[in-house]
Amino acid sequence: MLVNVFKSKIHRVKVTQAELNYVGSVTIDEDMLDAAGIKENEKVQIVNNHNGERLETYAIKGKRGSGIICLNGAAARKAQPGDIVIIISYAWMTPEEAAAHKPIVVFPDENNRVVK
């Protein structure tokens, strides 16, 4: 049996853009992806702290050091620039792996830069 476990999150990051006329996904600064261990094209959940919206999409790399968090396509209807969101990734693990797993939590600063 496998269980779906919280793998990592980017906690309280600011949306910088919302692009309705795009094929889909969320663009995330590559520094934040690396810090959270999120791979390009990996499924993520986005929780909007401003309006309670929740959605699932996939991550794409944004320019390293740019601070970009851009909801693309239909997801652009779920948040506006300035909204604070949490981006969460999950992983399938055996119960033994899950018991030993320590999630990664990234805390960006007010400019969407990774705080070391």
C-alpha atoms as a PDB file:
ATOM      1  CA  MET A   1       0.000   0.000   0.000  1.00  0.00           C
ATOM      2  CA  LEU A   2       1.093   3.577  -0.682  1.00  0.00           C
ATOM      3  CA  VAL A   3      -0.028   6.765   1.055  1.00  0.00           C
ATOM      4  CA  ASN A   4      -0.074  10.278  -0.415  1.00  0.00           C
ATOM      5  CA  VAL A   5       2.025  12.454   1.907  1.00  0.00           C
ATOM      6  CA  PHE A   6       2.788  16.177   2.157  1.00  0.00           C
ATOM      7  CA  LYS A   7       6.233  16.461   0.511  1.00  0.00           C
ATOM      8  CA  SER A   8       6.980  20.191   0.509  1.00  0.00           C
ATOM      9  CA  LYS A   9       5.484  23.649   0.358  1.00  0.00           C
ATOM     10  CA  ILE A  10       6.253  27.236  -0.465  1.00  0.00           C
ATOM     11  CA  HIS A  11       4.494  28.986   2.409  1.00  0.00           C
ATOM     12  CA  ARG A  12       2.838  32.388   1.987  1.00  0.00           C
ATOM     13  CA  VAL A  13       4.258  33.552  -1.321  1.00  0.00           C
ATOM     14  CA  LYS A  14       2.843  36.537  -3.242  1.00  0.00           C
ATOM     15  CA  VAL A  15       1.207  36.093  -6.660  1.00  0.00           C
ATOM     16  CA  THR A  16       2.996  38.411  -9.092  1.00  0.00           C
ATOM     17  CA  GLN A  17       0.985  37.721 -12.253  1.00  0.00           C
ATOM     18  CA  ALA A  18      -2.183  36.043 -13.543  1.00  0.00           C
ATOM     19  CA  GLU A  19      -2.183  35.250 -17.283  1.00  0.00           C
ATOM     20  CA  LEU A  20      -5.570  34.026 -18.505  1.00  0.00           C
ATOM     21  CA  ASN A  21      -4.460  33.565 -22.145  1.00  0.00           C
ATOM     22  CA  TYR A  22      -1.916  30.841 -21.467  1.00  0.00           C
ATOM     23  CA  VAL A  23      -2.171  27.079 -21.850  1.00  0.00           C
ATOM     24  CA  GLY A  24      -2.094  26.394 -18.103  1.00  0.00           C
ATOM     25  CA  SER A  25       0.024  25.788 -14.998  1.00  0.00           C
ATOM     26  CA  VAL A  26       1.798  27.949 -12.448  1.00  0.00           C
ATOM     27  CA  THR A  27       5.138  29.610 -13.202  1.00  0.00           C
ATOM     28  CA  ILE A  28       7.424  29.553 -10.151  1.00  0.00           C
ATOM     29  CA  ASP A  29      10.857  31.158  -9.700  1.00  0.00           C
ATOM     30  CA  GLU A  30      13.388  28.357 -10.202  1.00  0.00           C
ATOM     31  CA  ASP A  31      15.104  29.239  -6.891  1.00  0.00           C
ATOM     32  CA  MET A  32      11.866  28.456  -5.048  1.00  0.00           C
ATOM     33  CA  LEU A  33      11.329  25.223  -6.997  1.00  0.00           C
ATOM     34  CA  ASP A  34      14.832  24.060  -6.057  1.00  0.00           C
ATOM     35  CA  ALA A  35      14.440  25.050  -2.405  1.00  0.00           C
ATOM     36  CA  ALA A  36      11.134  23.146  -2.140  1.00  0.00           C
ATOM     37  CA  GLY A  37      12.299  20.143  -4.163  1.00  0.00           C
ATOM     38  CA  ILE A  38       9.495  20.648  -6.696  1.00  0.00           C
ATOM     39  CA  LYS A  39      10.299  19.417 -10.202  1.00  0.00           C
ATOM     40  CA  GLU A  40       9.140  21.073 -13.410  1.00  0.00           C
ATOM     41  CA  ASN A  41       5.804  19.552 -14.499  1.00  0.00           C
ATOM     42  CA  GLU A  42       5.158  18.191 -10.994  1.00  0.00           C
ATOM     43  CA  LYS A  43       1.560  18.379  -9.767  1.00  0.00           C
ATOM     44  CA  VAL A  44       1.025  21.039  -7.097  1.00  0.00           C
ATOM     45  CA  GLN A  45      -1.900  22.306  -5.073  1.00  0.00           C
ATOM     46  CA  ILE A  46      -2.358  26.049  -4.646  1.00  0.00           C
ATOM     47  CA  VAL A  47      -4.284  27.443  -1.681  1.00  0.00           C
ATOM     48  CA  ASN A  48      -5.219  31.125  -1.840  1.00  0.00           C
ATOM     49  CA  ASN A  49      -5.185  32.746   1.613  1.00  0.00           C
ATOM     50  CA  HIS A  50      -7.145  35.772   0.356  1.00  0.00           C
ATOM     51  CA  ASN A  51     -10.230  34.071  -1.057  1.00  0.00           C
ATOM     52  CA  GLY A  52     -10.057  30.416   0.042  1.00  0.00           C
ATOM     53  CA  GLU A  53      -9.714  29.053  -3.507  1.00  0.00           C
ATOM     54  CA  ARG A  54      -7.901  25.755  -3.948  1.00  0.00           C
ATOM     55  CA  LEU A  55      -6.708  24.298  -7.222  1.00  0.00           C
ATOM     56  CA  GLU A  56      -4.380  21.708  -8.653  1.00  0.00           C
ATOM     57  CA  THR A  57      -2.069  22.332 -11.588  1.00  0.00           C
ATOM     58  CA  TYR A  58       1.540  21.664 -12.533  1.00  0.00           C
ATOM     59  CA  ALA A  59       4.695  23.695 -11.981  1.00  0.00           C
ATOM     60  CA  ILE A  60       6.818  25.278 -14.696  1.00  0.00           C
ATOM     61  CA  LYS A  61      10.157  26.988 -14.204  1.00  0.00           C
ATOM     62  CA  GLY A  62      10.236  30.752 -14.002  1.00  0.00           C
ATOM     63  CA  LYS A  63      13.325  32.908 -14.308  1.00  0.00           C
ATOM     64  CA  ARG A  64      15.741  32.210 -11.465  1.00  0.00           C
ATOM     65  CA  GLY A  65      15.830  35.060  -8.927  1.00  0.00           C
ATOM     66  CA  SER A  66      12.796  36.795 -10.457  1.00  0.00           C
ATOM     67  CA  GLY A  67      10.368  36.052  -7.622  1.00  0.00           C
ATOM     68  CA  ILE A  68       7.710  35.153 -10.205  1.00  0.00           C
ATOM     69  CA  ILE A  69       4.560  33.338  -9.137  1.00  0.00           C
ATOM     70  CA  CYS A  70       2.200  33.445 -12.112  1.00  0.00           C
ATOM     71  CA  LEU A  71      -1.078  31.578 -12.338  1.00  0.00           C
ATOM     72  CA  ASN A  72      -1.701  30.687 -15.978  1.00  0.00           C
ATOM     73  CA  GLY A  73      -4.794  29.745 -17.955  1.00  0.00           C
ATOM     74  CA  ALA A  74      -7.958  28.969 -16.011  1.00  0.00           C
ATOM     75  CA  ALA A  75      -5.994  29.175 -12.732  1.00  0.00           C
ATOM     76  CA  ALA A  76      -5.667  32.924 -13.385  1.00  0.00           C
ATOM     77  CA  ARG A  77      -9.345  33.216 -12.381  1.00  0.00           C
ATOM     78  CA  LYS A  78      -8.500  31.905  -8.890  1.00  0.00           C
ATOM     79  CA  ALA A  79      -6.030  34.597  -7.765  1.00  0.00           C
ATOM     80  CA  GLN A  80      -4.925  38.126  -8.462  1.00  0.00           C
ATOM     81  CA  PRO A  81      -1.498  39.740  -8.238  1.00  0.00           C
ATOM     82  CA  GLY A  82      -0.824  40.533  -4.596  1.00  0.00           C
ATOM     83  CA  ASP A  83      -2.753  37.527  -3.233  1.00  0.00           C
ATOM     84  CA  ILE A  84      -0.842  35.360  -0.784  1.00  0.00           C
ATOM     85  CA  VAL A  85      -0.853  31.647  -1.631  1.00  0.00           C
ATOM     86  CA  ILE A  86       0.627  28.397  -0.372  1.00  0.00           C
ATOM     87  CA  ILE A  87       2.008  26.006  -3.003  1.00  0.00           C
ATOM     88  CA  ILE A  88       2.013  22.380  -1.821  1.00  0.00           C
ATOM     89  CA  SER A  89       3.478  19.213  -3.322  1.00  0.00           C
ATOM     90  CA  TYR A  90       2.702  15.629  -2.308  1.00  0.00           C
ATOM     91  CA  ALA A  91       4.428  12.289  -2.882  1.00  0.00           C
ATOM     92  CA  TRP A  92       3.348   8.646  -2.827  1.00  0.00           C
ATOM     93  CA  MET A  93       5.290   6.685  -0.211  1.00  0.00           C
ATOM     94  CA  THR A  94       5.174   3.404   1.590  1.00  0.00           C
ATOM     95  CA  PRO A  95       4.039   3.723   5.211  1.00  0.00           C
ATOM     96  CA  GLU A  96       7.651   3.122   6.262  1.00  0.00           C
ATOM     97  CA  GLU A  97       8.957   5.901   4.003  1.00  0.00           C
ATOM     98  CA  ALA A  98       6.184   8.223   5.226  1.00  0.00           C
ATOM     99  CA  ALA A  99       7.088   7.579   8.863  1.00  0.00           C
ATOM    100  CA  ALA A 100      10.670   8.741   8.228  1.00  0.00           C
ATOM    101  CA  HIS A 101       9.816  11.597   5.837  1.00  0.00           C
ATOM    102  CA  LYS A 102      10.470  15.212   6.871  1.00  0.00           C
ATOM    103  CA  PRO A 103       8.619  17.714   4.652  1.00  0.00           C
ATOM    104  CA  ILE A 104      10.448  20.744   3.254  1.00  0.00           C
ATOM    105  CA  VAL A 105       8.913  24.129   4.068  1.00  0.00           C
ATOM    106  CA  VAL A 106      10.167  27.219   2.225  1.00  0.00           C
ATOM    107  CA  PHE A 107       9.441  30.645   3.707  1.00  0.00           C
ATOM    108  CA  PRO A 108       9.867  33.362   1.053  1.00  0.00           C
ATOM    109  CA  ASP A 109      10.336  36.972   2.131  1.00  0.00           C
ATOM    110  CA  GLU A 110       8.005  39.832   1.099  1.00  0.00           C
ATOM    111  CA  ASN A 111       9.811  40.027  -2.285  1.00  0.00           C
ATOM    112  CA  ASN A 112       9.367  36.294  -3.029  1.00  0.00           C
ATOM    113  CA  ARG A 113      13.010  35.520  -2.330  1.00  0.00           C
ATOM    114  CA  VAL A 114      13.967  32.307  -0.552  1.00  0.00           C
ATOM    115  CA  VAL A 115      14.995  32.990   3.040  1.00  0.00           C
ATOM    116  CA  LYS A 116      17.979  30.793   3.895  1.00  0.00           C
END
